[in-house]
């Protein structure tokens, strides 16, 4: 009886638990990212369509007709990353190739969040228009004690010129 119980526990700890922990982390990560995306979508609806109006322009010939009382530099940065479970399953999927949807979700969230924060910063500073928007990304990796156990995230830096008219 004790031997069969020890065999079952050994199977659980050596086979089931190593798969169960990343799976739970992946599920919790997806749930949390879903909540963040819902909150972001709600904020986007409240503020209206980001970058979908004449007040948000890129470099073009129509810029010549704009006048501004003053301008200011707007800048926002955030750092986002996948959960450990998502990193594990992305590693497994990268062995076979294909699109890494978990990473796409992280990148989409980061881009949309910095644009939302840039828009909020512009409103707080009294800017009526945002021009020349740029988004830079960089990978931030953390290694503990120079071993191969790494986690990583992506930093998003958005900057633009805010115009007060």
C-alpha atoms as a PDB file:
ATOM      1  CA  UNK A   1       0.000   0.000   0.000  1.00  0.00           C
ATOM      2  CA  UNK A   2       2.741   2.449   0.964  1.00  0.00           C
ATOM      3  CA  UNK A   3       4.728   1.488  -2.109  1.00  0.00           C
ATOM      4  CA  UNK A   4       1.842   2.135  -4.499  1.00  0.00           C
ATOM      5  CA  UNK A   5       1.147   5.474  -2.802  1.00  0.00           C
ATOM      6  CA  UNK A   6       4.789   6.479  -3.192  1.00  0.00           C
ATOM      7  CA  UNK A   7       4.705   5.459  -6.871  1.00  0.00           C
ATOM      8  CA  UNK A   8       1.560   7.554  -7.460  1.00  0.00           C
ATOM      9  CA  UNK A   9       3.150  10.538  -5.674  1.00  0.00           C
ATOM     10  CA  UNK A  10       6.355  10.117  -7.661  1.00  0.00           C
ATOM     11  CA  UNK A  11       4.398  10.047 -10.934  1.00  0.00           C
ATOM     12  CA  UNK A  12       2.473  13.131  -9.844  1.00  0.00           C
ATOM     13  CA  UNK A  13       5.567  15.115  -8.859  1.00  0.00           C
ATOM     14  CA  UNK A  14       7.725  14.050 -11.828  1.00  0.00           C
ATOM     15  CA  UNK A  15       5.173  13.917 -14.660  1.00  0.00           C
ATOM     16  CA  UNK A  16       1.996  15.783 -13.821  1.00  0.00           C
ATOM     17  CA  UNK A  17       3.299  18.732 -11.784  1.00  0.00           C
ATOM     18  CA  UNK A  18       5.888  19.933 -14.374  1.00  0.00           C
ATOM     19  CA  UNK A  19       3.091  20.219 -16.952  1.00  0.00           C
ATOM     20  CA  UNK A  20       0.441  21.451 -14.530  1.00  0.00           C
ATOM     21  CA  UNK A  21       2.392  24.481 -13.247  1.00  0.00           C
ATOM     22  CA  UNK A  22       3.052  26.026 -16.709  1.00  0.00           C
ATOM     23  CA  UNK A  23      -0.524  25.228 -17.712  1.00  0.00           C
ATOM     24  CA  UNK A  24      -1.942  27.033 -14.671  1.00  0.00           C
ATOM     25  CA  UNK A  25       0.435  29.956 -15.258  1.00  0.00           C
ATOM     26  CA  UNK A  26      -0.651  30.119 -18.916  1.00  0.00           C
ATOM     27  CA  UNK A  27      -4.334  30.057 -17.958  1.00  0.00           C
ATOM     28  CA  UNK A  28      -3.914  32.756 -15.311  1.00  0.00           C
ATOM     29  CA  UNK A  29      -1.817  34.853 -17.710  1.00  0.00           C
ATOM     30  CA  UNK A  30      -4.448  34.642 -20.443  1.00  0.00           C
ATOM     31  CA  UNK A  31      -7.205  35.516 -17.943  1.00  0.00           C
ATOM     32  CA  UNK A  32      -5.244  38.528 -16.650  1.00  0.00           C
ATOM     33  CA  UNK A  33      -4.384  39.712 -20.167  1.00  0.00           C
ATOM     34  CA  UNK A  34      -8.047  39.399 -21.098  1.00  0.00           C
ATOM     35  CA  UNK A  35      -8.973  41.667 -18.196  1.00  0.00           C
ATOM     36  CA  UNK A  36      -6.309  44.192 -19.223  1.00  0.00           C
ATOM     37  CA  UNK A  37      -7.519  44.163 -22.836  1.00  0.00           C
ATOM     38  CA  UNK A  38     -11.142  44.682 -21.745  1.00  0.00           C
ATOM     39  CA  UNK A  39     -10.126  47.658 -19.598  1.00  0.00           C
ATOM     40  CA  UNK A  40      -8.077  49.069 -22.473  1.00  0.00           C
ATOM     41  CA  UNK A  41     -10.963  48.671 -24.925  1.00  0.00           C
ATOM     42  CA  UNK A  42     -13.270  50.406 -22.460  1.00  0.00           C
ATOM     43  CA  UNK A  43     -10.825  53.331 -22.132  1.00  0.00           C
ATOM     44  CA  UNK A  44     -10.462  53.533 -25.909  1.00  0.00           C
ATOM     45  CA  UNK A  45     -14.242  53.731 -26.319  1.00  0.00           C
ATOM     46  CA  UNK A  46     -14.445  56.494 -23.694  1.00  0.00           C
ATOM     47  CA  UNK A  47     -11.735  58.555 -25.385  1.00  0.00           C
ATOM     48  CA  UNK A  48     -13.006  57.935 -28.897  1.00  0.00           C
ATOM     49  CA  UNK A  49     -11.049  56.488 -31.794  1.00  0.00           C
ATOM     50  CA  UNK A  50      -7.352  56.872 -31.181  1.00  0.00           C
ATOM     51  CA  UNK A  51      -5.518  58.217 -34.181  1.00  0.00           C
ATOM     52  CA  UNK A  52      -8.748  58.273 -36.173  1.00  0.00           C
ATOM     53  CA  UNK A  53      -9.254  62.026 -36.368  1.00  0.00           C
ATOM     54  CA  UNK A  54      -7.612  65.057 -37.927  1.00  0.00           C
ATOM     55  CA  UNK A  55      -6.134  65.941 -34.528  1.00  0.00           C
ATOM     56  CA  UNK A  56      -3.718  63.023 -34.771  1.00  0.00           C
ATOM     57  CA  UNK A  57      -1.578  63.383 -37.871  1.00  0.00           C
ATOM     58  CA  UNK A  58       1.571  61.829 -39.173  1.00  0.00           C
ATOM     59  CA  UNK A  59       4.062  63.663 -41.326  1.00  0.00           C
ATOM     60  CA  UNK A  60       2.309  64.745 -44.493  1.00  0.00           C
ATOM     61  CA  UNK A  61       1.829  67.793 -46.688  1.00  0.00           C
ATOM     62  CA  UNK A  62      -1.321  68.721 -44.746  1.00  0.00           C
ATOM     63  CA  UNK A  63       0.921  69.752 -41.855  1.00  0.00           C
ATOM     64  CA  UNK A  64       1.708  73.041 -43.602  1.00  0.00           C
ATOM     65  CA  UNK A  65      -1.797  74.351 -42.968  1.00  0.00           C
ATOM     66  CA  UNK A  66      -1.678  73.805 -39.198  1.00  0.00           C
ATOM     67  CA  UNK A  67      -0.805  76.621 -36.827  1.00  0.00           C
ATOM     68  CA  UNK A  68       0.115  76.194 -33.192  1.00  0.00           C
ATOM     69  CA  UNK A  69       0.405  78.500 -30.206  1.00  0.00           C
ATOM     70  CA  UNK A  70       3.046  76.250 -28.668  1.00  0.00           C
ATOM     71  CA  UNK A  71       4.297  72.672 -28.753  1.00  0.00           C
ATOM     72  CA  UNK A  72       5.649  70.182 -26.272  1.00  0.00           C
ATOM     73  CA  UNK A  73       7.302  66.794 -26.257  1.00  0.00           C
ATOM     74  CA  UNK A  74       5.049  63.948 -25.148  1.00  0.00           C
ATOM     75  CA  UNK A  75       6.592  60.668 -24.057  1.00  0.00           C
ATOM     76  CA  UNK A  76       5.330  57.512 -22.379  1.00  0.00           C
ATOM     77  CA  UNK A  77       6.959  54.174 -21.677  1.00  0.00           C
ATOM     78  CA  UNK A  78       5.669  50.862 -20.359  1.00  0.00           C
ATOM     79  CA  UNK A  79       7.105  47.410 -19.959  1.00  0.00           C
ATOM     80  CA  UNK A  80       4.933  44.334 -20.589  1.00  0.00           C
ATOM     81  CA  UNK A  81       5.635  40.642 -20.816  1.00  0.00           C
ATOM     82  CA  UNK A  82       4.080  37.208 -21.044  1.00  0.00           C
ATOM     83  CA  UNK A  83       3.556  34.893 -18.084  1.00  0.00           C
ATOM     84  CA  UNK A  84       5.945  32.007 -17.391  1.00  0.00           C
ATOM     85  CA  UNK A  85       3.388  29.567 -18.736  1.00  0.00           C
ATOM     86  CA  UNK A  86       3.080  31.548 -21.955  1.00  0.00           C
ATOM     87  CA  UNK A  87       6.875  31.655 -22.268  1.00  0.00           C
ATOM     88  CA  UNK A  88       7.013  27.871 -21.809  1.00  0.00           C
ATOM     89  CA  UNK A  89       4.332  27.159 -24.414  1.00  0.00           C
ATOM     90  CA  UNK A  90       5.862  29.700 -26.831  1.00  0.00           C
ATOM     91  CA  UNK A  91       9.200  27.889 -26.432  1.00  0.00           C
ATOM     92  CA  UNK A  92       7.510  24.569 -27.238  1.00  0.00           C
ATOM     93  CA  UNK A  93       5.762  26.105 -30.259  1.00  0.00           C
ATOM     94  CA  UNK A  94       8.984  27.716 -31.463  1.00  0.00           C
ATOM     95  CA  UNK A  95      10.479  24.221 -31.789  1.00  0.00           C
ATOM     96  CA  UNK A  96       7.894  23.473 -34.487  1.00  0.00           C
ATOM     97  CA  UNK A  97       7.616  26.967 -35.978  1.00  0.00           C
ATOM     98  CA  UNK A  98       4.611  29.124 -36.600  1.00  0.00           C
ATOM     99  CA  UNK A  99       3.033  32.248 -35.225  1.00  0.00           C
ATOM    100  CA  UNK A 100       3.322  32.891 -31.481  1.00  0.00           C
ATOM    101  CA  UNK A 101      -0.148  34.211 -30.644  1.00  0.00           C
ATOM    102  CA  UNK A 102       0.629  34.791 -26.956  1.00  0.00           C
ATOM    103  CA  UNK A 103       3.421  37.150 -27.908  1.00  0.00           C
ATOM    104  CA  UNK A 104       1.167  38.902 -30.460  1.00  0.00           C
ATOM    105  CA  UNK A 105      -1.304  39.648 -27.658  1.00  0.00           C
ATOM    106  CA  UNK A 106       1.468  41.168 -25.524  1.00  0.00           C
ATOM    107  CA  UNK A 107       2.707  43.329 -28.419  1.00  0.00           C
ATOM    108  CA  UNK A 108      -0.791  44.476 -29.379  1.00  0.00           C
ATOM    109  CA  UNK A 109      -1.585  45.397 -25.787  1.00  0.00           C
ATOM    110  CA  UNK A 110       1.674  47.322 -25.401  1.00  0.00           C
ATOM    111  CA  UNK A 111       1.204  49.376 -28.566  1.00  0.00           C
ATOM    112  CA  UNK A 112      -2.386  50.247 -27.772  1.00  0.00           C
ATOM    113  CA  UNK A 113      -1.607  51.070 -24.131  1.00  0.00           C
ATOM    114  CA  UNK A 114       1.227  53.519 -24.943  1.00  0.00           C
ATOM    115  CA  UNK A 115      -0.976  55.273 -27.506  1.00  0.00           C
ATOM    116  CA  UNK A 116      -3.747  55.534 -24.915  1.00  0.00           C
ATOM    117  CA  UNK A 117      -1.366  56.958 -22.320  1.00  0.00           C
ATOM    118  CA  UNK A 118       0.149  59.339 -24.875  1.00  0.00           C
ATOM    119  CA  UNK A 119      -3.327  60.641 -25.669  1.00  0.00           C
ATOM    120  CA  UNK A 120      -4.106  61.047 -21.945  1.00  0.00           C
ATOM    121  CA  UNK A 121      -0.833  62.907 -21.383  1.00  0.00           C
ATOM    122  CA  UNK A 122      -1.610  65.238 -24.301  1.00  0.00           C
ATOM    123  CA  UNK A 123      -5.040  66.057 -22.864  1.00  0.00           C
ATOM    124  CA  UNK A 124      -3.557  66.648 -19.398  1.00  0.00           C
ATOM    125  CA  UNK A 125      -1.005  69.078 -20.873  1.00  0.00           C
ATOM    126  CA  UNK A 126      -3.678  70.968 -22.819  1.00  0.00           C
ATOM    127  CA  UNK A 127      -2.650  69.769 -26.275  1.00  0.00           C
ATOM    128  CA  UNK A 128      -5.298  69.815 -28.969  1.00  0.00           C
ATOM    129  CA  UNK A 129      -3.316  67.815 -31.533  1.00  0.00           C
ATOM    130  CA  UNK A 130      -0.644  65.135 -31.597  1.00  0.00           C
ATOM    131  CA  UNK A 131       1.776  64.910 -34.524  1.00  0.00           C
ATOM    132  CA  UNK A 132       4.812  62.818 -35.463  1.00  0.00           C
ATOM    133  CA  UNK A 133       3.977  59.844 -33.266  1.00  0.00           C
ATOM    134  CA  UNK A 134       6.781  57.296 -32.931  1.00  0.00           C
ATOM    135  CA  UNK A 135       6.756  53.993 -31.085  1.00  0.00           C
ATOM    136  CA  UNK A 136      10.030  52.269 -30.214  1.00  0.00           C
ATOM    137  CA  UNK A 137      10.246  48.758 -28.810  1.00  0.00           C
ATOM    138  CA  UNK A 138      13.091  46.927 -27.131  1.00  0.00           C
ATOM    139  CA  UNK A 139      13.435  43.565 -25.458  1.00  0.00           C
ATOM    140  CA  UNK A 140      14.383  43.586 -21.796  1.00  0.00           C
ATOM    141  CA  UNK A 141      15.837  40.303 -20.508  1.00  0.00           C
ATOM    142  CA  UNK A 142      16.532  39.387 -16.930  1.00  0.00           C
ATOM    143  CA  UNK A 143      18.947  36.577 -16.099  1.00  0.00           C
ATOM    144  CA  UNK A 144      19.494  35.417 -12.535  1.00  0.00           C
ATOM    145  CA  UNK A 145      23.112  34.789 -11.522  1.00  0.00           C
ATOM    146  CA  UNK A 146      24.266  34.497 -15.146  1.00  0.00           C
ATOM    147  CA  UNK A 147      22.498  31.187 -15.713  1.00  0.00           C
ATOM    148  CA  UNK A 148      20.239  30.199 -18.556  1.00  0.00           C
ATOM    149  CA  UNK A 149      16.989  30.818 -16.639  1.00  0.00           C
ATOM    150  CA  UNK A 150      15.751  33.982 -18.339  1.00  0.00           C
ATOM    151  CA  UNK A 151      12.530  35.916 -18.378  1.00  0.00           C
ATOM    152  CA  UNK A 152      11.937  38.747 -20.774  1.00  0.00           C
ATOM    153  CA  UNK A 153       9.556  41.557 -21.453  1.00  0.00           C
ATOM    154  CA  UNK A 154       9.118  44.250 -24.072  1.00  0.00           C
ATOM    155  CA  UNK A 155       9.515  47.944 -23.361  1.00  0.00           C
ATOM    156  CA  UNK A 156       7.405  50.340 -25.426  1.00  0.00           C
ATOM    157  CA  UNK A 157       8.464  53.969 -25.693  1.00  0.00           C
ATOM    158  CA  UNK A 158       6.065  56.293 -27.486  1.00  0.00           C
ATOM    159  CA  UNK A 159       6.884  59.905 -28.148  1.00  0.00           C
ATOM    160  CA  UNK A 160       5.240  62.642 -30.169  1.00  0.00           C
ATOM    161  CA  UNK A 161       4.841  66.369 -30.500  1.00  0.00           C
ATOM    162  CA  UNK A 162       1.803  67.836 -28.784  1.00  0.00           C
ATOM    163  CA  UNK A 163       0.405  71.057 -30.255  1.00  0.00           C
ATOM    164  CA  UNK A 164      -1.579  73.663 -28.363  1.00  0.00           C
ATOM    165  CA  UNK A 165      -3.790  75.707 -30.683  1.00  0.00           C
END
